[in-house]
């Protein structure tokens, strides 16, 4: 199975507008720190496969713990909530 990583690109005109605003170019002719920061924060890049993996691993850990220790988890929850609910749990 091959996973291809795609990247959304902004139009060149939009990218140029974000990085080369008047007054934000340093002495070497490159965009200044503020312009680079705005361009980086405005980019559409992200680590979606990483977040999906973290979410699936977390769900797997919860399911595994629940399968092994469901009675203990329910007892801990009931003991924690009893003082707030007047012991009616």
Protein backbone atom coordinates (compact mmCIF):
# COMPACT_ATOMS: atom_id res chain seq x y z
CA UNK A 1 0.00 0.00 0.00
CA UNK A 2 1.42 3.35 -0.99
CA UNK A 3 0.44 6.54 0.77
CA UNK A 4 0.94 9.74 -1.16
CA UNK A 5 1.24 12.99 0.68
CA UNK A 6 -0.46 15.84 -1.10
CA UNK A 7 0.01 19.50 -0.44
CA UNK A 8 -2.43 22.23 -1.23
CA UNK A 9 -0.81 25.16 -2.99
CA UNK A 10 -1.87 28.75 -2.84
CA UNK A 11 -1.95 30.71 -6.02
CA UNK A 12 1.41 32.41 -6.70
CA UNK A 13 -0.24 35.82 -6.68
CA UNK A 14 -1.68 35.23 -3.19
CA UNK A 15 1.62 33.87 -1.85
CA UNK A 16 3.51 36.88 -3.24
CA UNK A 17 0.99 39.24 -1.64
CA UNK A 18 1.54 37.61 1.75
CA UNK A 19 5.33 37.67 1.65
CA UNK A 20 6.24 40.94 -0.03
CA UNK A 21 4.20 43.70 1.50
CA UNK A 22 5.68 47.21 1.28
CA UNK A 23 7.88 48.06 4.25
CA UNK A 24 8.44 44.42 5.18
CA UNK A 25 11.55 43.77 3.11
CA UNK A 26 14.93 43.77 4.86
CA UNK A 27 18.19 45.24 3.53
CA UNK A 28 19.04 42.09 1.53
CA UNK A 29 15.75 42.30 -0.40
CA UNK A 30 14.24 39.26 1.33
CA UNK A 31 10.91 39.44 3.15
CA UNK A 32 11.26 40.48 6.78
CA UNK A 33 10.47 38.39 9.84
CA UNK A 34 6.89 39.62 10.09
CA UNK A 35 6.15 38.80 6.45
CA UNK A 36 7.68 35.32 6.75
CA UNK A 37 5.70 34.68 9.95
CA UNK A 38 2.44 35.77 8.32
CA UNK A 39 3.16 33.58 5.30
CA UNK A 40 3.97 30.56 7.47
CA UNK A 41 0.89 30.97 9.69
CA UNK A 42 -1.28 31.45 6.62
CA UNK A 43 -0.12 28.29 4.90
CA UNK A 44 -2.45 25.32 4.57
CA UNK A 45 0.12 22.73 5.54
CA UNK A 46 -0.70 20.27 8.29
CA UNK A 47 0.06 16.84 9.61
CA UNK A 48 -3.26 15.11 9.09
CA UNK A 49 -1.89 11.53 8.98
CA UNK A 50 -0.12 12.16 12.30
CA UNK A 51 -3.29 13.39 13.99
CA UNK A 52 -5.29 10.48 12.60
CA UNK A 53 -2.69 8.06 13.95
CA UNK A 54 -2.74 9.71 17.40
CA UNK A 55 -6.55 9.60 17.48
CA UNK A 56 -6.71 5.94 16.48
CA UNK A 57 -4.02 4.95 18.98
CA UNK A 58 -5.83 6.80 21.77
CA UNK A 59 -9.11 5.11 20.90
CA UNK A 60 -7.32 1.73 20.84
CA UNK A 61 -5.82 2.33 24.29
CA UNK A 62 -9.24 3.29 25.71
CA UNK A 63 -10.89 0.19 24.22
CA UNK A 64 -8.10 -2.07 25.52
CA UNK A 65 -8.28 -0.59 29.02
CA UNK A 66 -12.06 -0.79 29.06
CA UNK A 67 -11.98 -4.46 27.99
CA UNK A 68 -9.49 -5.37 30.71
CA UNK A 69 -10.66 -3.23 33.62
CA UNK A 70 -14.26 -2.16 32.98
CA UNK A 71 -15.51 -3.16 36.44
CA UNK A 72 -12.72 -1.25 38.17
CA UNK A 73 -13.24 1.82 35.97
CA UNK A 74 -16.97 1.88 36.74
CA UNK A 75 -16.25 1.50 40.47
CA UNK A 76 -13.71 4.36 40.41
CA UNK A 77 -16.24 6.58 38.63
CA UNK A 78 -19.02 5.73 41.07
CA UNK A 79 -16.76 6.36 44.07
CA UNK A 80 -15.69 9.71 42.63
CA UNK A 81 -19.24 10.87 41.88
CA UNK A 82 -20.91 9.62 45.08
CA UNK A 83 -20.01 12.67 47.23
CA UNK A 84 -21.54 15.03 44.65
CA UNK A 85 -24.70 13.04 44.11
CA UNK A 86 -25.39 12.21 47.75
CA UNK A 87 -24.43 8.55 47.42
CA UNK A 88 -27.29 7.79 45.04
CA UNK A 89 -25.09 6.18 42.41
